[in-house]
Structures are given as C-alpha cells and as structure tokens.
Amino acid sequence: MNQAMQLPEAQRQRCEVWTRVMGYHRPVAAFNPGKQSEHRERQHFCEPK
C-alpha cells in the first residue's frame, strides 16, 4: 500500500496554487513577477489549536 505511483509525462498536469491575499483567495499564477517572488520567500507555519 506504500507504493509511489508515477504517471507518464503526458498524463501529468500542473498543480494550481491558491493563496489568501487581503481577505480573498487568488491563484499565485495571476500574481505579477515581484509578488510571485515574494510568495516563494514567505515563511509557512501551523498555528496551534
């Protein structure tokens, strides 16, 4: 059950990443180059419950 599944290159598709900006959700691909660079540099964290 712990086998990794690999798809042929022709069957793969790009994953669309969305993020919350100023209270609404947007795809990162729609950001300008500067904002995309800033998004890559962000620190991700998990808030304790």
C-alpha atoms as a PDB file:
ATOM      1  CA  MET A   1       0.000   0.000   0.000  1.00  0.00           C
ATOM      2  CA  ASN A   2       3.007   2.322   0.448  1.00  0.00           C
ATOM      3  CA  GLN A   3       3.957   2.306  -3.229  1.00  0.00           C
ATOM      4  CA  ALA A   4       4.617   5.584  -5.015  1.00  0.00           C
ATOM      5  CA  MET A   5       2.617   5.972  -8.195  1.00  0.00           C
ATOM      6  CA  GLN A   6       4.385   7.510 -11.175  1.00  0.00           C
ATOM      7  CA  LEU A   7       2.495   8.841 -14.170  1.00  0.00           C
ATOM      8  CA  PRO A   8       3.909   9.174 -17.658  1.00  0.00           C
ATOM      9  CA  GLU A   9       4.852  12.767 -18.522  1.00  0.00           C
ATOM     10  CA  ALA A  10       1.906  13.006 -20.965  1.00  0.00           C
ATOM     11  CA  GLN A  11      -0.625  12.311 -18.174  1.00  0.00           C
ATOM     12  CA  ARG A  12       0.770  14.792 -15.651  1.00  0.00           C
ATOM     13  CA  GLN A  13      -0.795  18.201 -15.136  1.00  0.00           C
ATOM     14  CA  ARG A  14       0.381  21.335 -13.398  1.00  0.00           C
ATOM     15  CA  CYS A  15      -0.938  21.973  -9.893  1.00  0.00           C
ATOM     16  CA  GLU A  16      -2.627  25.354  -9.402  1.00  0.00           C
ATOM     17  CA  VAL A  17      -1.641  27.013  -6.113  1.00  0.00           C
ATOM     18  CA  TRP A  18      -4.038  29.494  -4.484  1.00  0.00           C
ATOM     19  CA  THR A  19      -3.343  31.772  -1.538  1.00  0.00           C
ATOM     20  CA  ARG A  20      -5.316  34.213   0.574  1.00  0.00           C
ATOM     21  CA  VAL A  21      -4.421  37.854  -0.019  1.00  0.00           C
ATOM     22  CA  MET A  22      -6.150  40.715   1.799  1.00  0.00           C
ATOM     23  CA  GLY A  23      -9.154  38.565   2.720  1.00  0.00           C
ATOM     24  CA  TYR A  24      -9.801  36.870  -0.624  1.00  0.00           C
ATOM     25  CA  HIS A  25      -8.324  33.879  -2.483  1.00  0.00           C
ATOM     26  CA  ARG A  26      -6.282  34.194  -5.688  1.00  0.00           C
ATOM     27  CA  PRO A  27      -4.187  31.861  -7.838  1.00  0.00           C
ATOM     28  CA  VAL A  28      -0.473  32.540  -7.430  1.00  0.00           C
ATOM     29  CA  ALA A  29      -0.063  32.285 -11.227  1.00  0.00           C
ATOM     30  CA  ALA A  30      -2.094  35.524 -11.534  1.00  0.00           C
ATOM     31  CA  PHE A  31       0.455  37.471  -9.431  1.00  0.00           C
ATOM     32  CA  ASN A  32       2.964  39.800 -11.065  1.00  0.00           C
ATOM     33  CA  PRO A  33       6.614  38.577 -11.047  1.00  0.00           C
ATOM     34  CA  GLY A  34       7.519  40.578  -7.923  1.00  0.00           C
ATOM     35  CA  LYS A  35       4.593  39.215  -5.926  1.00  0.00           C
ATOM     36  CA  GLN A  36       5.356  35.639  -7.112  1.00  0.00           C
ATOM     37  CA  SER A  37       8.931  36.051  -5.850  1.00  0.00           C
ATOM     38  CA  GLU A  38       7.642  37.366  -2.517  1.00  0.00           C
ATOM     39  CA  HIS A  39       5.266  34.378  -2.248  1.00  0.00           C
ATOM     40  CA  ARG A  40       8.169  31.913  -2.723  1.00  0.00           C
ATOM     41  CA  GLU A  41      10.083  33.599   0.130  1.00  0.00           C
ATOM     42  CA  ARG A  42       7.213  33.511   2.650  1.00  0.00           C
ATOM     43  CA  GLN A  43       7.602  31.613   5.902  1.00  0.00           C
ATOM     44  CA  HIS A  44       4.883  28.960   6.311  1.00  0.00           C
ATOM     45  CA  PHE A  45       3.728  27.961   9.782  1.00  0.00           C
ATOM     46  CA  CYS A  46       0.977  25.999  11.525  1.00  0.00           C
ATOM     47  CA  GLU A  47      -0.934  27.839  14.204  1.00  0.00           C
ATOM     48  CA  PRO A  48      -1.530  25.750  17.347  1.00  0.00           C
ATOM     49  CA  LYS A  49      -5.159  24.948  18.092  1.00  0.00           C
END
